């Protein structure tokens, strides 16, 4: 069924139908994904997103460009708020022809004078069109359409102008007789009294559309009981977007940082999805080298976590619940939020409990007598990693931008280092302090920084930050990392060694371990207090 027939079917439906405002292609697609079976191209919100007033300051061709993107972005019909038709009967005919060419299913025109003013701005002082002249517009529009199912909705502004019920009925009857497919009855009252009075007199002569922006608290069941055909939620996507953008702009200005906002806003990947990037992604997989694909993830989660005492009697630390799900589930969600879906977990203590779906597992059955390095050795040796791998601990939470930063730097071995290392001084936990080729500085933030040494007992004057427990290993760096691991694994003294020992060995043997400085935005869950804090991370 084409879009014009879809819309006509909605108008004729025995059920009360709902359509949602949109003001560009993106918002139209969002409305469709939410379940709406038609979209309202609002004159108010289209003009607002263009930065002009709802007084025909945007030309009809500019509006046409916007609504064409909306029609292209959706599979459901779009009805344009066509204001007064942008002129006389001749302009209305051209408007209808152009809307049909662009796949728009319906247009609504209102019986005011061009240029119009929004109905909620001193509506009682606004002049109405002559009835006969407006009927001529309706007839001209219907004569111009090529598709018999294209719909014209006549909007009656009698209540807005303070003309009362009799005038509303007189105009609605004339417009129906002239060929309108439906009547949109508008009211600026905060209660639906005018609309309900009209419906009691109107009956079911033709479909009636309403816009309850002002009388928003009325239960929709009232509209059903009175025979309303369609409700338009007329401006709420733009209004909600304005509130969100104002909050975001204020936080950005006040904090001069993206860190606080990144978890609260839609991801860039969500924008790509809404743009319909699936076809492009398929083409990239076909035409681009595999190295452009996302790396995998390896989570080291074999230890119990004795410091959490009774919480880990029957499960490892990675499965301790934080909020509504285990710590490991939060870590996996962070990876997936950046497109890393291939996640392997090295488990050991109470391994049968580590059983989240859609993860791969490698077992370190010697977890009680070995350290992180052994788990890393087993994990990296369990498979090939053609696109590289991000290694992290099963007790470290991190913001998704940290992962994005590691991947975007472009180096072969990359670790994130927290410049707020002083926060860990009095926490009574193991800390991996780092000394680098350059300390963090705003004056050389774009210069490559390399790891010199990582240890928990660096002199305070040599500390440049704290390692955050993650490392990105590119496909090119994997052979060197594996070779170093094999050498260390063969040495009995390294049986309980930790990952920093590997990073130190690589750095001292001439392998560049790139450091990216960041500030906070991670949490090492090492205590009961950390578990509590993690719930709000």
Protein backbone atom coordinates (compact mmCIF):
# COMPACT_ATOMS: atom_id res chain seq x y z
CA UNK A 1 0.00 0.00 0.00
CA UNK A 2 1.49 3.34 -1.01
CA UNK A 3 1.75 6.21 1.45
CA UNK A 4 -1.31 8.13 0.27
CA UNK A 5 -3.49 5.05 0.73
CA UNK A 6 -1.90 4.40 4.11
CA UNK A 7 -2.86 7.87 5.27
CA UNK A 8 -6.37 7.67 3.83
CA UNK A 9 -6.82 4.38 5.68
CA UNK A 10 -5.80 6.07 8.95
CA UNK A 11 -8.35 8.82 8.39
CA UNK A 12 -11.07 6.25 7.77
CA UNK A 13 -10.06 3.98 10.65
CA UNK A 14 -12.67 3.00 13.19
CA UNK A 15 -9.99 3.43 15.85
CA UNK A 16 -8.60 6.69 17.18
CA UNK A 17 -5.29 7.20 15.37
CA UNK A 18 -2.25 9.18 16.55
CA UNK A 19 0.43 10.89 14.50
CA UNK A 20 3.57 12.60 15.74
CA UNK A 21 5.31 15.85 14.84
CA UNK A 22 8.63 15.82 13.08
CA UNK A 23 10.72 18.65 11.69
CA UNK A 24 13.44 16.94 9.65
CA UNK A 25 14.39 13.53 8.32
CA UNK A 26 15.99 12.37 11.58
CA UNK A 27 13.03 13.23 13.79
CA UNK A 28 10.64 11.68 11.26
CA UNK A 29 12.55 8.41 11.41
CA UNK A 30 12.55 8.54 15.22
CA UNK A 31 8.76 9.01 15.20
CA UNK A 32 8.32 6.04 12.90
CA UNK A 33 10.61 3.85 15.01
CA UNK A 34 8.55 4.76 18.08
CA UNK A 35 5.55 3.14 16.36
CA UNK A 36 3.67 6.06 14.81
CA UNK A 37 1.99 5.14 11.55
CA UNK A 38 2.12 8.68 10.15
CA UNK A 39 4.13 11.86 10.70
CA UNK A 40 3.00 15.48 10.98
CA UNK A 41 5.32 17.94 9.25
CA UNK A 42 4.66 20.81 11.63
CA UNK A 43 4.90 24.36 10.32
CA UNK A 44 5.86 25.60 13.77
CA UNK A 45 8.69 23.16 14.32
CA UNK A 46 10.02 23.18 10.76
CA UNK A 47 10.31 26.97 10.91
CA UNK A 48 11.77 26.81 14.44
CA UNK A 49 14.52 24.37 13.48
CA UNK A 50 15.37 26.73 10.64
CA UNK A 51 15.66 29.52 13.23
CA UNK A 52 12.76 31.66 11.96
CA UNK A 53 9.27 32.53 13.17
CA UNK A 54 6.14 30.57 12.31
CA UNK A 55 4.88 33.43 10.14
CA UNK A 56 5.78 32.17 6.66
CA UNK A 57 9.30 33.56 7.09
CA UNK A 58 10.56 30.26 5.66
CA UNK A 59 9.58 30.12 2.01
CA UNK A 60 7.39 27.31 0.77
CA UNK A 61 10.31 25.89 -1.23
CA UNK A 62 12.46 25.78 1.92
CA UNK A 63 9.67 23.93 3.71
CA UNK A 64 9.37 21.63 0.70
CA UNK A 65 13.06 20.72 0.95
CA UNK A 66 12.63 19.74 4.60
CA UNK A 67 9.50 17.67 4.06
CA UNK A 68 11.14 15.86 1.14
CA UNK A 69 13.88 14.66 3.49
CA UNK A 70 11.17 13.55 5.93
CA UNK A 71 9.36 11.55 3.26
CA UNK A 72 12.61 9.97 2.08
CA UNK A 73 13.59 8.99 5.63
CA UNK A 74 10.36 7.13 6.43
CA UNK A 75 8.14 4.34 5.16
CA UNK A 76 5.04 5.84 6.77
CA UNK A 77 3.01 8.72 5.29
CA UNK A 78 3.78 12.36 6.02
CA UNK A 79 1.14 15.09 6.25
CA UNK A 80 2.53 18.60 5.80
CA UNK A 81 1.22 21.53 7.75
CA UNK A 82 0.79 23.70 4.66
CA UNK A 83 -0.25 26.84 6.56
CA UNK A 84 -2.62 28.83 4.29
CA UNK A 85 -1.31 27.19 1.13
CA UNK A 86 1.34 29.90 0.65
CA UNK A 87 -0.90 32.15 -1.42
CA UNK A 88 -4.08 31.85 -3.46
CA UNK A 89 -5.64 28.90 -5.28
CA UNK A 90 -2.85 28.93 -7.87
CA UNK A 91 -0.15 28.57 -5.20
CA UNK A 92 -2.12 25.76 -3.55
CA UNK A 93 -2.31 23.82 -6.81
CA UNK A 94 1.44 24.06 -7.32
CA UNK A 95 1.99 23.04 -3.69
CA UNK A 96 -0.10 19.88 -4.12
CA UNK A 97 1.68 18.89 -7.33
CA UNK A 98 5.09 19.33 -5.72
CA UNK A 99 4.08 17.40 -2.58
CA UNK A 100 2.92 14.47 -4.67
CA UNK A 101 6.19 14.50 -6.60
CA UNK A 102 8.08 14.24 -3.30
CA UNK A 103 6.04 11.37 -1.89
CA UNK A 104 4.12 13.39 0.69
CA UNK A 105 0.74 11.80 1.41
CA UNK A 106 -1.38 14.70 2.62
CA UNK A 107 -1.49 18.43 3.27
CA UNK A 108 -3.39 20.50 5.80
CA UNK A 109 -4.31 24.09 4.95
CA UNK A 110 -5.89 26.59 7.32
CA UNK A 111 -8.49 29.28 6.75
CA UNK A 112 -6.40 32.33 7.69
CA UNK A 113 -4.70 35.00 5.60
CA UNK A 114 -1.23 34.81 4.07
CA UNK A 115 1.24 35.41 5.63
CA UNK A 116 -0.08 33.54 8.63
CA UNK A 117 0.80 33.86 12.32
CA UNK A 118 0.87 30.95 14.73
CA UNK A 119 -2.56 30.31 16.24
CA UNK A 120 -1.30 30.61 19.81
CA UNK A 121 -0.02 34.17 19.31
CA UNK A 122 -2.97 36.55 19.83
CA UNK A 123 -5.21 34.23 17.83
CA UNK A 124 -8.36 36.18 18.63
CA UNK A 125 -6.99 39.16 16.71
CA UNK A 126 -6.15 37.18 13.60
CA UNK A 127 -8.34 37.56 10.53
CA UNK A 128 -9.95 34.53 8.89
CA UNK A 129 -10.14 33.88 5.17
CA UNK A 130 -13.39 34.43 3.31
CA UNK A 131 -15.26 31.12 3.27
CA UNK A 132 -15.88 31.13 -0.48
CA UNK A 133 -12.26 32.03 -1.22
CA UNK A 134 -11.02 29.19 1.01
CA UNK A 135 -13.45 26.75 -0.58
CA UNK A 136 -11.92 27.74 -3.91
CA UNK A 137 -8.51 26.76 -2.59
CA UNK A 138 -9.85 23.37 -1.54
CA UNK A 139 -11.41 22.74 -4.95
CA UNK A 140 -8.26 23.84 -6.73
CA UNK A 141 -6.15 21.52 -4.58
CA UNK A 142 -8.38 18.52 -5.26
CA UNK A 143 -8.41 19.28 -8.99
CA UNK A 144 -4.61 19.46 -9.03
CA UNK A 145 -3.87 16.13 -7.38
CA UNK A 146 -2.86 13.21 -9.61
CA UNK A 147 -3.25 10.52 -6.96
CA UNK A 148 -6.88 10.02 -5.97
CA UNK A 149 -5.77 8.95 -2.47
CA UNK A 150 -3.84 12.17 -1.75
CA UNK A 151 -5.59 13.81 1.21
CA UNK A 152 -6.42 17.42 1.91
CA UNK A 153 -7.31 18.33 5.47
CA UNK A 154 -9.05 21.68 6.00
CA UNK A 155 -8.14 23.38 9.26
CA UNK A 156 -10.83 25.52 10.85
CA UNK A 157 -9.59 28.46 12.96
CA UNK A 158 -13.00 29.78 14.06
CA UNK A 159 -12.45 28.89 17.73
CA UNK A 160 -8.94 30.38 17.64
CA UNK A 161 -10.36 33.67 16.35
CA UNK A 162 -13.12 33.70 18.98
CA UNK A 163 -15.93 33.17 16.44
CA UNK A 164 -17.69 30.41 18.36
CA UNK A 165 -19.36 27.10 17.58
CA UNK A 166 -21.81 28.28 14.92
CA UNK A 167 -19.03 29.75 12.80
CA UNK A 168 -16.92 26.62 13.27
CA UNK A 169 -19.76 24.44 12.07
CA UNK A 170 -20.58 26.74 9.13
CA UNK A 171 -17.01 26.68 7.92
CA UNK A 172 -16.54 22.94 8.43
CA UNK A 173 -19.71 22.20 6.44
CA UNK A 174 -18.58 24.45 3.57
CA UNK A 175 -15.11 22.94 3.47
CA UNK A 176 -16.42 19.39 3.44
CA UNK A 177 -18.77 20.29 0.60
CA UNK A 178 -15.84 21.79 -1.32
CA UNK A 179 -14.02 18.44 -1.20
CA UNK A 180 -11.92 18.36 1.97
CA UNK A 181 -11.12 14.79 3.03
CA UNK A 182 -11.09 15.70 6.73
CA UNK A 183 -11.58 18.64 9.06
CA UNK A 184 -8.96 19.75 11.55
CA UNK A 185 -10.73 21.60 14.35
CA UNK A 186 -8.37 23.76 16.37
CA UNK A 187 -8.77 25.26 19.85
CA UNK A 188 -6.48 27.27 22.14
CA UNK A 189 -8.38 26.54 25.35
CA UNK A 190 -6.77 24.52 28.13
CA UNK A 191 -9.88 22.33 28.21
CA UNK A 192 -11.46 20.46 25.28
CA UNK A 193 -14.90 22.07 25.63
CA UNK A 194 -14.93 23.72 22.20
CA UNK A 195 -13.78 20.55 20.46
CA UNK A 196 -16.30 18.36 22.25
CA UNK A 197 -19.13 20.81 21.51
CA UNK A 198 -18.20 20.66 17.82
CA UNK A 199 -18.05 16.85 17.81
CA UNK A 200 -21.51 16.58 19.38
CA UNK A 201 -22.95 18.66 16.53
CA UNK A 202 -20.75 17.30 13.76
CA UNK A 203 -21.29 13.60 14.28
CA UNK A 204 -19.60 11.41 11.69
CA UNK A 205 -20.04 13.51 8.56
CA UNK A 206 -16.30 13.21 7.80
CA UNK A 207 -13.11 12.49 9.76
CA UNK A 208 -12.10 15.07 12.36
CA UNK A 209 -8.48 15.72 13.36
CA UNK A 210 -7.53 17.54 16.57
CA UNK A 211 -4.34 19.04 18.05
CA UNK A 212 -4.53 18.88 21.88
CA UNK A 213 -1.43 20.96 22.56
CA UNK A 214 -3.23 23.24 25.02
CA UNK A 215 -5.73 20.76 26.48
CA UNK A 216 -3.04 18.12 26.96
CA UNK A 217 -4.36 16.76 30.28
CA UNK A 218 -7.59 15.43 28.75
CA UNK A 219 -7.64 11.61 28.69
CA UNK A 220 -7.58 10.31 25.12
CA UNK A 221 -10.59 8.14 25.93
CA UNK A 222 -12.66 11.33 25.81
CA UNK A 223 -11.68 11.80 22.17
CA UNK A 224 -12.66 8.22 21.39
CA UNK A 225 -16.04 8.63 23.01
CA UNK A 226 -16.76 11.73 20.92
CA UNK A 227 -15.75 10.21 17.58
CA UNK A 228 -12.47 12.02 16.90
CA UNK A 229 -10.58 10.26 14.07
CA UNK A 230 -7.00 11.44 14.55
CA UNK A 231 -4.88 13.16 17.21
CA UNK A 232 -1.73 15.09 16.31
CA UNK A 233 1.04 15.36 18.90
CA UNK A 234 2.08 18.55 17.21
CA UNK A 235 5.40 19.87 18.54
CA UNK A 236 6.78 17.65 21.27
CA UNK A 237 9.81 16.14 19.57
CA UNK A 238 11.25 19.59 18.93
CA UNK A 239 10.32 20.84 22.40
CA UNK A 240 12.05 17.89 24.06
CA UNK A 241 15.09 18.36 21.81
CA UNK A 242 15.29 22.05 22.79
CA UNK A 243 15.32 21.18 26.49
CA UNK A 244 18.05 18.59 25.99
CA UNK A 245 20.18 20.89 23.84
CA UNK A 246 19.87 23.75 26.33
CA UNK A 247 21.02 21.49 29.17
CA UNK A 248 23.90 20.12 27.11
CA UNK A 249 25.07 23.56 25.98
CA UNK A 250 24.98 24.86 29.55
CA UNK A 251 27.02 21.93 30.91
CA UNK A 252 29.55 22.24 28.10
CA UNK A 253 29.98 25.95 28.76
CA UNK A 254 30.24 25.56 32.52
CA UNK A 255 32.52 22.50 32.68
CA UNK A 256 34.52 22.87 29.46
CA UNK A 257 34.49 19.08 29.29
CA UNK A 258 32.71 16.32 27.41
CA UNK A 259 33.33 13.69 30.07
CA UNK A 260 30.17 14.28 32.12
CA UNK A 261 27.92 14.42 29.08
CA UNK A 262 29.19 11.49 27.07
CA UNK A 263 27.16 8.90 28.97
CA UNK A 264 23.99 11.00 28.80
CA UNK A 265 23.76 11.68 25.09
CA UNK A 266 23.14 9.41 22.13
CA UNK A 267 26.23 7.68 20.84
CA UNK A 268 27.65 8.53 17.46
CA UNK A 269 26.85 4.96 16.42
CA UNK A 270 23.18 5.63 17.20
CA UNK A 271 23.27 8.60 14.83
CA UNK A 272 24.76 6.34 12.17
CA UNK A 273 22.00 3.80 12.77
CA UNK A 274 19.27 6.40 12.43
CA UNK A 275 20.90 7.63 9.25
CA UNK A 276 20.52 4.15 7.79
CA UNK A 277 24.21 3.40 7.79
CA UNK A 278 23.70 -0.38 7.60
CA UNK A 279 24.11 -0.41 3.82
CA UNK A 280 27.27 1.67 4.12
CA UNK A 281 28.63 -0.67 6.78
CA UNK A 282 28.01 -3.64 4.49
CA UNK A 283 29.85 -1.84 1.71
CA UNK A 284 32.76 -1.06 4.05
CA UNK A 285 33.03 -4.73 4.97
CA UNK A 286 33.10 -5.55 1.27
CA UNK A 287 35.47 -2.88 0.02
CA UNK A 288 37.68 -1.76 2.93
CA UNK A 289 40.56 -3.74 4.48
CA UNK A 290 39.73 -5.84 7.51
CA UNK A 291 42.00 -3.68 9.65
CA UNK A 292 39.26 -1.05 9.66
CA UNK A 293 37.03 -3.41 11.63
CA UNK A 294 36.57 -3.14 15.38
CA UNK A 295 39.04 -4.93 17.64
CA UNK A 296 37.96 -7.66 20.02
CA UNK A 297 38.02 -7.44 23.81
CA UNK A 298 39.72 -9.69 26.37
CA UNK A 299 38.57 -9.36 29.98
CA UNK A 300 40.78 -10.86 32.70
CA UNK A 301 38.37 -12.07 35.39
CA UNK A 302 39.87 -15.24 36.89
CA UNK A 303 40.48 -14.06 40.46
CA UNK A 304 38.06 -14.24 43.35
CA UNK A 305 38.49 -10.76 44.79
CA UNK A 306 39.17 -11.67 48.42
CA UNK A 307 38.97 -8.03 49.46
CA UNK A 308 35.19 -8.12 48.92
CA UNK A 309 34.91 -10.82 51.58
CA UNK A 310 31.41 -12.35 51.79
CA UNK A 311 30.34 -10.89 48.44
CA UNK A 312 32.71 -13.28 46.66
CA UNK A 313 32.13 -16.43 48.70
CA UNK A 314 30.04 -17.96 45.93
CA UNK A 315 31.09 -15.93 42.90
CA UNK A 316 34.10 -14.04 41.56
CA UNK A 317 34.37 -10.27 41.80
CA UNK A 318 33.39 -9.85 38.15
CA UNK A 319 29.94 -11.31 38.93
CA UNK A 320 29.21 -9.15 41.99
CA UNK A 321 26.03 -7.22 41.30
CA UNK A 322 26.30 -3.53 40.69
CA UNK A 323 22.84 -2.06 40.52
CA UNK A 324 20.67 -4.44 38.52
CA UNK A 325 23.36 -6.60 36.90
CA UNK A 326 26.83 -8.07 37.44
CA UNK A 327 29.96 -5.98 37.13
CA UNK A 328 30.97 -7.99 34.06
CA UNK A 329 27.71 -7.07 32.32
CA UNK A 330 28.49 -3.37 32.77
CA UNK A 331 31.95 -3.91 31.29
CA UNK A 332 30.51 -5.77 28.30
CA UNK A 333 27.96 -2.99 27.76
CA UNK A 334 30.75 -0.41 27.67
CA UNK A 335 32.53 -2.38 24.99
CA UNK A 336 29.38 -2.86 22.95
CA UNK A 337 28.54 0.83 23.12
CA UNK A 338 31.62 1.46 20.95
CA UNK A 339 30.95 -1.35 18.49
CA UNK A 340 33.14 -3.99 20.17
CA UNK A 341 30.87 -7.05 20.23
CA UNK A 342 33.53 -9.82 20.16
CA UNK A 343 34.27 -10.19 23.89
CA UNK A 344 36.27 -13.02 25.49
CA UNK A 345 36.46 -13.51 29.26
CA UNK A 346 39.20 -15.41 31.10
CA UNK A 347 37.50 -16.99 34.11
CA UNK A 348 38.82 -19.11 36.98
CA UNK A 349 37.35 -18.95 40.48
CA UNK A 350 33.78 -20.33 40.44
CA UNK A 351 33.96 -20.32 36.67
CA UNK A 352 30.54 -21.97 36.32
CA UNK A 353 28.96 -18.77 37.68
CA UNK A 354 30.56 -16.64 34.96
CA UNK A 355 28.01 -17.48 32.29
CA UNK A 356 26.63 -14.29 30.77
CA UNK A 357 25.22 -14.79 27.26
CA UNK A 358 26.94 -13.69 24.04
CA UNK A 359 30.44 -13.81 25.53
CA UNK A 360 33.31 -16.21 24.77
CA UNK A 361 35.10 -17.92 27.64
CA UNK A 362 38.62 -19.20 28.33
CA UNK A 363 39.34 -21.03 31.59
CA UNK A 364 42.37 -20.44 33.81
CA UNK A 365 42.03 -23.43 36.12
CA UNK A 366 45.33 -22.49 37.80
CA UNK A 367 43.89 -19.17 38.97
CA UNK A 368 44.77 -19.83 42.63
CA UNK A 369 48.49 -20.18 41.88
CA UNK A 370 48.89 -17.72 39.01
CA UNK A 371 48.48 -14.03 38.34
CA UNK A 372 47.07 -11.77 35.68
CA UNK A 373 49.95 -12.47 33.29
CA UNK A 374 49.04 -16.16 33.14
CA UNK A 375 45.41 -15.31 32.39
CA UNK A 376 46.55 -12.93 29.65
CA UNK A 377 48.84 -15.63 28.23
CA UNK A 378 45.97 -18.13 28.11
CA UNK A 379 43.53 -15.58 26.71
CA UNK A 380 45.74 -14.31 23.90
CA UNK A 381 46.79 -17.87 23.06
CA UNK A 382 43.23 -19.12 22.80
CA UNK A 383 42.55 -17.70 19.32
CA UNK A 384 43.64 -15.30 16.62
CA UNK A 385 42.92 -11.58 16.97
CA UNK A 386 42.92 -10.32 13.37
CA UNK A 387 41.66 -6.84 14.24
CA UNK A 388 43.62 -6.40 17.44
CA UNK A 389 42.35 -6.57 21.01
CA UNK A 390 41.60 -4.34 23.99
CA UNK A 391 42.59 -6.02 27.26
CA UNK A 392 40.96 -4.96 30.53
CA UNK A 393 40.33 -6.26 34.03
CA UNK A 394 37.09 -7.78 35.24
CA UNK A 395 36.84 -5.25 38.06
CA UNK A 396 37.43 -1.98 36.19
CA UNK A 397 34.57 0.20 34.95
CA UNK A 398 35.30 2.84 32.36
CA UNK A 399 33.50 5.40 30.23
CA UNK A 400 33.08 4.47 26.60
CA UNK A 401 35.08 7.46 25.38
CA UNK A 402 38.21 5.89 26.92
CA UNK A 403 37.84 2.96 24.52
CA UNK A 404 37.25 5.27 21.60
CA UNK A 405 40.36 7.26 22.54
CA UNK A 406 42.53 4.13 22.66
CA UNK A 407 41.43 3.08 19.18
CA UNK A 408 41.61 6.49 17.57
CA UNK A 409 45.21 7.29 18.57
CA UNK A 410 46.47 5.03 15.80
CA UNK A 411 49.47 3.52 17.62
CA UNK A 412 50.30 -0.16 17.98
CA UNK A 413 50.31 -0.38 21.80
CA UNK A 414 48.26 2.16 23.76
CA UNK A 415 47.41 2.52 27.46
CA UNK A 416 45.22 5.14 29.21
CA UNK A 417 46.76 6.96 32.17
CA UNK A 418 44.75 8.93 34.71
CA UNK A 419 46.34 12.26 35.62
CA UNK A 420 44.29 12.38 38.84
CA UNK A 421 46.57 9.82 40.48
CA UNK A 422 46.45 11.62 43.83
CA UNK A 423 42.87 10.34 44.31
CA UNK A 424 44.25 6.83 44.89
CA UNK A 425 46.89 7.70 47.47
CA UNK A 426 44.78 7.09 50.54
CA UNK A 427 42.55 4.32 49.25
CA UNK A 428 44.67 1.48 50.56
CA UNK A 429 44.73 -0.51 47.31
CA UNK A 430 47.29 -1.67 44.78
CA UNK A 431 48.14 1.15 42.41
CA UNK A 432 50.02 1.08 39.12
CA UNK A 433 51.74 4.45 38.90
CA UNK A 434 53.45 5.40 35.66
CA UNK A 435 56.41 7.48 34.65
CA UNK A 436 56.29 8.72 31.06
CA UNK A 437 58.48 10.45 28.53
CA UNK A 438 56.46 13.64 29.08
CA UNK A 439 54.14 14.67 31.90
CA UNK A 440 50.65 15.80 31.03
CA UNK A 441 50.60 19.39 29.85
CA UNK A 442 48.14 21.52 27.93
CA UNK A 443 51.02 22.97 25.96
CA UNK A 444 52.07 19.66 24.42
CA UNK A 445 48.89 17.60 24.69
CA UNK A 446 49.23 16.54 21.03
CA UNK A 447 52.82 15.27 21.32
CA UNK A 448 53.28 11.47 21.56
CA UNK A 449 53.90 10.33 25.13
CA UNK A 450 55.55 6.96 25.81
CA UNK A 451 55.65 4.72 28.87
CA UNK A 452 58.97 4.57 30.70
CA UNK A 453 58.09 2.61 33.81
CA UNK A 454 55.05 1.33 35.69
CA UNK A 455 55.15 0.32 39.35
CA UNK A 456 53.32 0.87 42.60
CA UNK A 457 56.32 2.35 44.44
CA UNK A 458 57.42 5.22 42.20
CA UNK A 459 58.76 8.26 44.04
CA UNK A 460 56.07 10.89 44.11
CA UNK A 461 58.14 13.29 42.03
CA UNK A 462 58.34 10.73 39.21
CA UNK A 463 54.61 9.94 39.07
CA UNK A 464 52.84 11.21 35.96
CA UNK A 465 49.62 9.28 36.45
CA UNK A 466 47.93 6.00 37.26
CA UNK A 467 47.36 3.20 34.74
CA UNK A 468 43.64 2.56 34.28
CA UNK A 469 43.89 -1.18 33.65
CA UNK A 470 43.33 -1.20 29.89
CA UNK A 471 45.68 -1.74 26.96
CA UNK A 472 45.02 -1.73 23.23
CA UNK A 473 47.13 -4.17 21.21
CA UNK A 474 47.03 -3.74 17.45
CA UNK A 475 47.35 -6.68 15.02
CA UNK A 476 50.89 -5.51 14.20
CA UNK A 477 51.89 -5.47 17.88
CA UNK A 478 50.43 -8.87 18.74
CA UNK A 479 53.49 -10.93 17.66
CA UNK A 480 55.83 -8.93 19.90
CA UNK A 481 53.39 -9.11 22.82
CA UNK A 482 52.95 -12.85 22.40
CA UNK A 483 56.70 -13.40 22.17
CA UNK A 484 57.29 -11.41 25.36
CA UNK A 485 54.51 -13.33 27.11
CA UNK A 486 55.95 -16.67 26.08
CA UNK A 487 59.38 -15.68 27.40
CA UNK A 488 57.97 -14.47 30.71
CA UNK A 489 55.66 -17.46 31.09
CA UNK A 490 58.65 -19.75 30.80
CA UNK A 491 60.27 -18.08 33.83
CA UNK A 492 58.90 -19.55 37.13
CA UNK A 493 59.32 -16.20 38.91
CA UNK A 494 56.64 -14.73 36.68
CA UNK A 495 53.96 -17.26 37.60
CA UNK A 496 52.12 -14.68 39.68
CA UNK A 497 53.22 -11.64 37.71
CA UNK A 498 50.82 -8.92 36.70
CA UNK A 499 50.25 -7.14 33.41
CA UNK A 500 52.45 -4.12 34.31
CA UNK A 501 55.43 -6.46 34.27
CA UNK A 502 54.72 -7.19 30.61
CA UNK A 503 54.29 -3.51 29.75
CA UNK A 504 57.58 -2.67 31.49
CA UNK A 505 59.36 -5.43 29.62
CA UNK A 506 58.02 -4.21 26.28
CA UNK A 507 58.91 -0.59 27.01
CA UNK A 508 62.42 -1.44 28.22
CA UNK A 509 63.10 -3.59 25.15
CA UNK A 510 62.35 -0.76 22.76
CA UNK A 511 58.68 -1.29 21.97
CA UNK A 512 56.78 1.98 22.02
CA UNK A 513 53.93 1.84 24.53
CA UNK A 514 51.90 4.96 23.76
CA UNK A 515 50.28 6.77 26.68
CA UNK A 516 47.06 8.74 26.36
CA UNK A 517 46.31 10.97 29.31
CA UNK A 518 42.80 11.27 30.62
CA UNK A 519 41.25 12.51 33.84
CA UNK A 520 39.02 10.25 35.92
CA UNK A 521 36.09 8.50 34.23
CA UNK A 522 36.98 5.02 35.46
CA UNK A 523 36.53 3.03 38.66
CA UNK A 524 38.62 0.17 40.00
CA UNK A 525 36.28 -1.91 42.18
CA UNK A 526 38.56 -2.95 45.02
CA UNK A 527 36.39 -2.55 48.12
CA UNK A 528 32.84 -2.68 49.43
CA UNK A 529 32.72 1.10 49.14
CA UNK A 530 33.69 0.79 45.49
CA UNK A 531 30.77 -1.58 44.88
CA UNK A 532 28.41 1.02 46.31
CA UNK A 533 30.01 3.82 44.28
CA UNK A 534 29.91 1.70 41.12
CA UNK A 535 26.11 1.73 41.19
CA UNK A 536 26.19 5.45 40.48
CA UNK A 537 29.10 5.37 38.04
